[in-house]
Amino acid sequence: MTPETISDTPTRNVLILAEDEDITITWTRFSHGERGPDLHVHHEHTDAFYVLDGELTFELGPQSEAIRVGAGGFVAIPPHVGHSFVNASGADARWLNFHAPDCGFAGFLRTLRAGTPGTWDSFGMPADGGLPPDRAIVMPPGKGHEMPLPGFVVRDDTDAGWFTHPHANGVVAVLRT
């Protein structure tokens, strides 16, 4: 797939790198101060981030617990855990975002690009606050080989950690640490 541009502005770039019903992978750049969506939950998929450059601050759970993650760090947010994110650092932040399964994410991004409303597996915070933020997996830089994701196979090579899932239909993400 040729990368598909969703947004290309001085403060934000979003590209769809891979799209499949089992996973969609995007590349994103936010300038200082750019925010992601308001605090929300997903019901049917995991939302994961691998920070390539800079730093993102993730806000997890109903109290928006702030967790800063720098380049080489990974965050996986399972269904029903409230989350948002912001680039609160003084530099650009770039990351890969994985939605597994897709649950309409790529299509939703296209509606944003077109300026039309769209719906997908994203909901406001539930009255009970959702699952606790400690259900999210947060791996600091250099610790990806210790990632405890059930069903994933992890192999460390000299230059890359390879992460794949048996149901990913051949989709493999290469994460350089």
C-alpha atoms as a PDB file:
ATOM      1  CA  MET A   1       0.000   0.000   0.000  1.00  0.00           C
ATOM      2  CA  THR A   2       1.237   3.468  -0.836  1.00  0.00           C
ATOM      3  CA  PRO A   3       0.976   5.734   2.228  1.00  0.00           C
ATOM      4  CA  GLU A   4      -2.288   7.674   2.150  1.00  0.00           C
ATOM      5  CA  THR A   5      -2.226  11.261   3.403  1.00  0.00           C
ATOM      6  CA  ILE A   6      -5.024  12.105   5.819  1.00  0.00           C
ATOM      7  CA  SER A   7      -3.653  15.386   7.164  1.00  0.00           C
ATOM      8  CA  ASP A   8      -0.732  17.547   6.050  1.00  0.00           C
ATOM      9  CA  THR A   9      -0.565  20.836   7.943  1.00  0.00           C
ATOM     10  CA  PRO A  10       2.257  22.774   9.607  1.00  0.00           C
ATOM     11  CA  THR A  11       1.194  21.388  13.003  1.00  0.00           C
ATOM     12  CA  ARG A  12      -0.010  17.871  12.154  1.00  0.00           C
ATOM     13  CA  ASN A  13       0.612  15.089   9.634  1.00  0.00           C
ATOM     14  CA  VAL A  14      -1.231  11.771   9.513  1.00  0.00           C
ATOM     15  CA  LEU A  15      -0.554   8.998   6.987  1.00  0.00           C
ATOM     16  CA  ILE A  16      -2.211   5.589   6.715  1.00  0.00           C
ATOM     17  CA  LEU A  17       0.690   3.167   6.185  1.00  0.00           C
ATOM     18  CA  ALA A  18      -1.213  -0.123   6.233  1.00  0.00           C
ATOM     19  CA  GLU A  19      -4.882  -1.027   6.318  1.00  0.00           C
ATOM     20  CA  ASP A  20      -6.490  -4.387   6.909  1.00  0.00           C
ATOM     21  CA  GLU A  21      -9.594  -5.433   8.819  1.00  0.00           C
ATOM     22  CA  ASP A  22      -7.265  -6.876  11.474  1.00  0.00           C
ATOM     23  CA  ILE A  23      -5.003  -3.832  11.866  1.00  0.00           C
ATOM     24  CA  THR A  24      -4.509  -0.300  10.602  1.00  0.00           C
ATOM     25  CA  ILE A  25      -1.144   1.403  11.067  1.00  0.00           C
ATOM     26  CA  THR A  26      -0.679   5.153  10.807  1.00  0.00           C
ATOM     27  CA  TRP A  27       2.327   7.478  11.029  1.00  0.00           C
ATOM     28  CA  THR A  28       1.656  10.775  12.784  1.00  0.00           C
ATOM     29  CA  ARG A  29       3.547  13.986  13.560  1.00  0.00           C
ATOM     30  CA  PHE A  30       2.262  16.552  16.053  1.00  0.00           C
ATOM     31  CA  SER A  31       3.882  19.892  16.783  1.00  0.00           C
ATOM     32  CA  HIS A  32       4.151  21.175  20.340  1.00  0.00           C
ATOM     33  CA  GLY A  33       0.723  21.595  21.926  1.00  0.00           C
ATOM     34  CA  GLU A  34      -1.217  19.430  19.464  1.00  0.00           C
ATOM     35  CA  ARG A  35      -3.802  17.214  21.166  1.00  0.00           C
ATOM     36  CA  GLY A  36      -5.396  13.980  20.123  1.00  0.00           C
ATOM     37  CA  PRO A  37      -9.089  13.311  20.698  1.00  0.00           C
ATOM     38  CA  ASP A  38     -10.763  14.028  24.026  1.00  0.00           C
ATOM     39  CA  LEU A  39     -10.664  11.302  26.677  1.00  0.00           C
ATOM     40  CA  HIS A  40     -12.418   8.285  25.136  1.00  0.00           C
ATOM     41  CA  VAL A  41     -12.651   4.488  25.146  1.00  0.00           C
ATOM     42  CA  HIS A  42     -12.801   1.817  22.484  1.00  0.00           C
ATOM     43  CA  HIS A  43     -15.080  -1.191  22.916  1.00  0.00           C
ATOM     44  CA  GLU A  44     -13.699  -3.586  20.331  1.00  0.00           C
ATOM     45  CA  HIS A  45     -10.027  -2.862  19.710  1.00  0.00           C
ATOM     46  CA  THR A  46      -6.638  -2.025  21.177  1.00  0.00           C
ATOM     47  CA  ASP A  47      -5.079   1.366  20.410  1.00  0.00           C
ATOM     48  CA  ALA A  48      -1.270   1.173  20.507  1.00  0.00           C
ATOM     49  CA  PHE A  49       1.497   3.740  20.008  1.00  0.00           C
ATOM     50  CA  TYR A  50       5.216   3.402  19.292  1.00  0.00           C
ATOM     51  CA  VAL A  51       6.970   6.761  19.712  1.00  0.00           C
ATOM     52  CA  LEU A  52       9.598   7.311  17.012  1.00  0.00           C
ATOM     53  CA  ASP A  53      10.800  10.828  17.914  1.00  0.00           C
ATOM     54  CA  GLY A  54      10.000  13.344  20.606  1.00  0.00           C
ATOM     55  CA  GLU A  55       7.612  12.661  23.446  1.00  0.00           C
ATOM     56  CA  LEU A  56       3.885  12.130  23.954  1.00  0.00           C
ATOM     57  CA  THR A  57       1.966  12.526  27.180  1.00  0.00           C
ATOM     58  CA  PHE A  58      -0.777   9.927  27.502  1.00  0.00           C
ATOM     59  CA  GLU A  59      -3.748  10.660  29.729  1.00  0.00           C
ATOM     60  CA  LEU A  60      -5.167   7.394  31.058  1.00  0.00           C
ATOM     61  CA  GLY A  61      -8.312   6.574  33.005  1.00  0.00           C
ATOM     62  CA  PRO A  62     -11.119   8.778  34.286  1.00  0.00           C
ATOM     63  CA  GLN A  63      -8.663  10.964  36.234  1.00  0.00           C
ATOM     64  CA  SER A  64      -6.465  11.492  33.135  1.00  0.00           C
ATOM     65  CA  GLU A  65      -3.323  10.120  34.795  1.00  0.00           C
ATOM     66  CA  ALA A  66      -0.427  11.602  32.805  1.00  0.00           C
ATOM     67  CA  ILE A  67       2.305   9.269  31.553  1.00  0.00           C
ATOM     68  CA  ARG A  68       5.136  10.695  29.449  1.00  0.00           C
ATOM     69  CA  VAL A  69       6.590   8.366  26.822  1.00  0.00           C
ATOM     70  CA  GLY A  70       9.670   9.250  24.789  1.00  0.00           C
ATOM     71  CA  ALA A  71      11.224   7.931  21.596  1.00  0.00           C
ATOM     72  CA  GLY A  72      11.440   4.144  21.650  1.00  0.00           C
ATOM     73  CA  GLY A  73       8.553   3.819  24.118  1.00  0.00           C
ATOM     74  CA  PHE A  74       5.401   1.814  23.503  1.00  0.00           C
ATOM     75  CA  VAL A  75       1.878   2.120  24.902  1.00  0.00           C
ATOM     76  CA  ALA A  76      -0.971  -0.354  24.252  1.00  0.00           C
ATOM     77  CA  ILE A  77      -4.404   0.659  25.493  1.00  0.00           C
ATOM     78  CA  PRO A  78      -6.926  -2.190  25.593  1.00  0.00           C
ATOM     79  CA  PRO A  79     -10.679  -1.799  25.147  1.00  0.00           C
ATOM     80  CA  HIS A  80     -12.560   0.103  27.864  1.00  0.00           C
ATOM     81  CA  VAL A  81      -9.526   2.028  29.176  1.00  0.00           C
ATOM     82  CA  GLY A  82     -10.030   5.784  28.858  1.00  0.00           C
ATOM     83  CA  HIS A  83      -7.243   7.606  27.066  1.00  0.00           C
ATOM     84  CA  SER A  84      -6.118  10.673  25.204  1.00  0.00           C
ATOM     85  CA  PHE A  85      -2.722  12.100  24.303  1.00  0.00           C
ATOM     86  CA  VAL A  86      -0.951  15.390  23.727  1.00  0.00           C
ATOM     87  CA  ASN A  87       2.437  16.583  22.577  1.00  0.00           C
ATOM     88  CA  ALA A  88       3.312  18.646  25.650  1.00  0.00           C
ATOM     89  CA  SER A  89       7.028  18.675  24.829  1.00  0.00           C
ATOM     90  CA  GLY A  90       8.886  21.521  23.181  1.00  0.00           C
ATOM     91  CA  ALA A  91       9.586  19.587  19.969  1.00  0.00           C
ATOM     92  CA  ASP A  92       7.729  17.644  17.307  1.00  0.00           C
ATOM     93  CA  ALA A  93       6.564  14.139  18.210  1.00  0.00           C
ATOM     94  CA  ARG A  94       6.329  11.333  15.643  1.00  0.00           C
ATOM     95  CA  TRP A  95       4.814   7.923  16.238  1.00  0.00           C
ATOM     96  CA  LEU A  96       3.267   4.829  14.755  1.00  0.00           C
ATOM     97  CA  ASN A  97      -0.316   4.137  15.821  1.00  0.00           C
ATOM     98  CA  PHE A  98      -1.801   0.636  15.630  1.00  0.00           C
ATOM     99  CA  HIS A  99      -5.541  -0.039  15.775  1.00  0.00           C
ATOM    100  CA  ALA A 100      -6.102  -3.780  16.092  1.00  0.00           C
ATOM    101  CA  PRO A 101      -8.502  -4.743  14.739  1.00  0.00           C
ATOM    102  CA  ASP A 102      -9.268  -1.738  12.534  1.00  0.00           C
ATOM    103  CA  CYS A 103     -12.936  -1.418  13.649  1.00  0.00           C
ATOM    104  CA  GLY A 104     -13.522   1.336  11.093  1.00  0.00           C
ATOM    105  CA  PHE A 105     -10.545   3.533  12.058  1.00  0.00           C
ATOM    106  CA  ALA A 106      -9.156   4.002   8.531  1.00  0.00           C
ATOM    107  CA  GLY A 107     -12.603   4.875   7.199  1.00  0.00           C
ATOM    108  CA  PHE A 108     -13.125   7.332  10.045  1.00  0.00           C
ATOM    109  CA  LEU A 109      -9.837   9.066   9.215  1.00  0.00           C
ATOM    110  CA  ARG A 110     -11.048   9.484   5.649  1.00  0.00           C
ATOM    111  CA  THR A 111     -14.255  11.154   6.881  1.00  0.00           C
ATOM    112  CA  LEU A 112     -12.122  13.589   8.897  1.00  0.00           C
ATOM    113  CA  ARG A 113     -10.091  14.393   5.785  1.00  0.00           C
ATOM    114  CA  ALA A 114     -13.303  14.963   3.821  1.00  0.00           C
ATOM    115  CA  GLY A 115     -14.724  17.172   6.572  1.00  0.00           C
ATOM    116  CA  THR A 116     -17.757  14.957   7.068  1.00  0.00           C
ATOM    117  CA  PRO A 117     -18.908  13.335  10.302  1.00  0.00           C
ATOM    118  CA  GLY A 118     -18.053   9.704  10.780  1.00  0.00           C
ATOM    119  CA  THR A 119     -18.502   7.059  13.410  1.00  0.00           C
ATOM    120  CA  TRP A 120     -16.395   4.149  14.515  1.00  0.00           C
ATOM    121  CA  ASP A 121     -15.333   2.268  17.663  1.00  0.00           C
ATOM    122  CA  SER A 122     -14.719   5.392  19.778  1.00  0.00           C
ATOM    123  CA  PHE A 123     -16.947   6.483  22.654  1.00  0.00           C
ATOM    124  CA  GLY A 124     -16.983   9.024  25.459  1.00  0.00           C
ATOM    125  CA  MET A 125     -16.003   7.942  28.932  1.00  0.00           C
ATOM    126  CA  PRO A 126     -18.531   5.577  30.518  1.00  0.00           C
ATOM    127  CA  ALA A 127     -20.263   6.564  33.757  1.00  0.00           C
ATOM    128  CA  ASP A 128     -18.290   3.922  35.671  1.00  0.00           C
ATOM    129  CA  GLY A 129     -14.966   5.314  34.381  1.00  0.00           C
ATOM    130  CA  GLY A 130     -14.112   2.219  32.345  1.00  0.00           C
ATOM    131  CA  LEU A 131     -11.302  -0.151  33.189  1.00  0.00           C
ATOM    132  CA  PRO A 132      -8.466   1.103  35.396  1.00  0.00           C
ATOM    133  CA  PRO A 133      -5.504   2.767  33.679  1.00  0.00           C
ATOM    134  CA  ASP A 134      -3.116   0.086  34.939  1.00  0.00           C
ATOM    135  CA  ARG A 135      -4.629  -2.217  32.298  1.00  0.00           C
ATOM    136  CA  ALA A 136      -2.652  -0.258  29.689  1.00  0.00           C
ATOM    137  CA  ILE A 137       0.783  -1.597  28.773  1.00  0.00           C
ATOM    138  CA  VAL A 138       3.477   1.072  28.994  1.00  0.00           C
ATOM    139  CA  MET A 139       6.989   0.080  27.941  1.00  0.00           C
ATOM    140  CA  PRO A 140       9.786   2.628  28.267  1.00  0.00           C
ATOM    141  CA  PRO A 141      12.408   2.957  25.522  1.00  0.00           C
ATOM    142  CA  GLY A 142      14.603  -0.108  25.129  1.00  0.00           C
ATOM    143  CA  LYS A 143      12.195  -2.464  26.910  1.00  0.00           C
ATOM    144  CA  GLY A 144      10.140  -3.658  23.912  1.00  0.00           C
ATOM    145  CA  HIS A 145      11.625  -7.143  24.102  1.00  0.00           C
ATOM    146  CA  GLU A 146       9.906  -7.498  27.496  1.00  0.00           C
ATOM    147  CA  MET A 147       6.474  -6.614  26.102  1.00  0.00           C
ATOM    148  CA  PRO A 148       3.913  -8.954  27.721  1.00  0.00           C
ATOM    149  CA  LEU A 149       1.299  -9.117  24.957  1.00  0.00           C
ATOM    150  CA  PRO A 150      -0.648 -12.396  24.934  1.00  0.00           C
ATOM    151  CA  GLY A 151      -0.590 -14.129  21.571  1.00  0.00           C
ATOM    152  CA  PHE A 152       2.324 -12.098  20.259  1.00  0.00           C
ATOM    153  CA  VAL A 153       5.632 -13.534  19.173  1.00  0.00           C
ATOM    154  CA  VAL A 154       8.633 -11.329  19.899  1.00  0.00           C
ATOM    155  CA  ARG A 155      12.077 -11.855  18.388  1.00  0.00           C
ATOM    156  CA  ASP A 156      15.003  -9.539  19.010  1.00  0.00           C
ATOM    157  CA  ASP A 157      17.385  -9.080  16.104  1.00  0.00           C
ATOM    158  CA  THR A 158      20.462  -6.894  16.125  1.00  0.00           C
ATOM    159  CA  ASP A 159      18.630  -3.970  14.527  1.00  0.00           C
ATOM    160  CA  ALA A 160      14.940  -4.550  15.166  1.00  0.00           C
ATOM    161  CA  GLY A 161      12.341  -6.185  17.344  1.00  0.00           C
ATOM    162  CA  TRP A 162       9.735  -7.989  15.240  1.00  0.00           C
ATOM    163  CA  PHE A 163       6.215  -8.104  16.583  1.00  0.00           C
ATOM    164  CA  THR A 164       3.563 -10.218  14.919  1.00  0.00           C
ATOM    165  CA  HIS A 165       0.274 -11.789  15.888  1.00  0.00           C
ATOM    166  CA  PRO A 166      -0.949 -15.151  14.592  1.00  0.00           C
ATOM    167  CA  HIS A 167      -4.197 -13.543  13.352  1.00  0.00           C
ATOM    168  CA  ALA A 168      -2.584 -10.552  11.618  1.00  0.00           C
ATOM    169  CA  ASN A 169      -2.766 -12.164   8.145  1.00  0.00           C
ATOM    170  CA  GLY A 170       0.880 -11.483   7.431  1.00  0.00           C
ATOM    171  CA  VAL A 171       0.894  -7.904   8.713  1.00  0.00           C
ATOM    172  CA  VAL A 172       4.120  -7.383  10.641  1.00  0.00           C
ATOM    173  CA  ALA A 173       5.296  -4.222  12.346  1.00  0.00           C
ATOM    174  CA  VAL A 174       9.032  -3.661  12.623  1.00  0.00           C
ATOM    175  CA  LEU A 175       9.907  -1.547  15.623  1.00  0.00           C
ATOM    176  CA  ARG A 176      13.439  -0.208  15.845  1.00  0.00           C
ATOM    177  CA  THR A 177      14.592   0.489  19.383  1.00  0.00           C
END
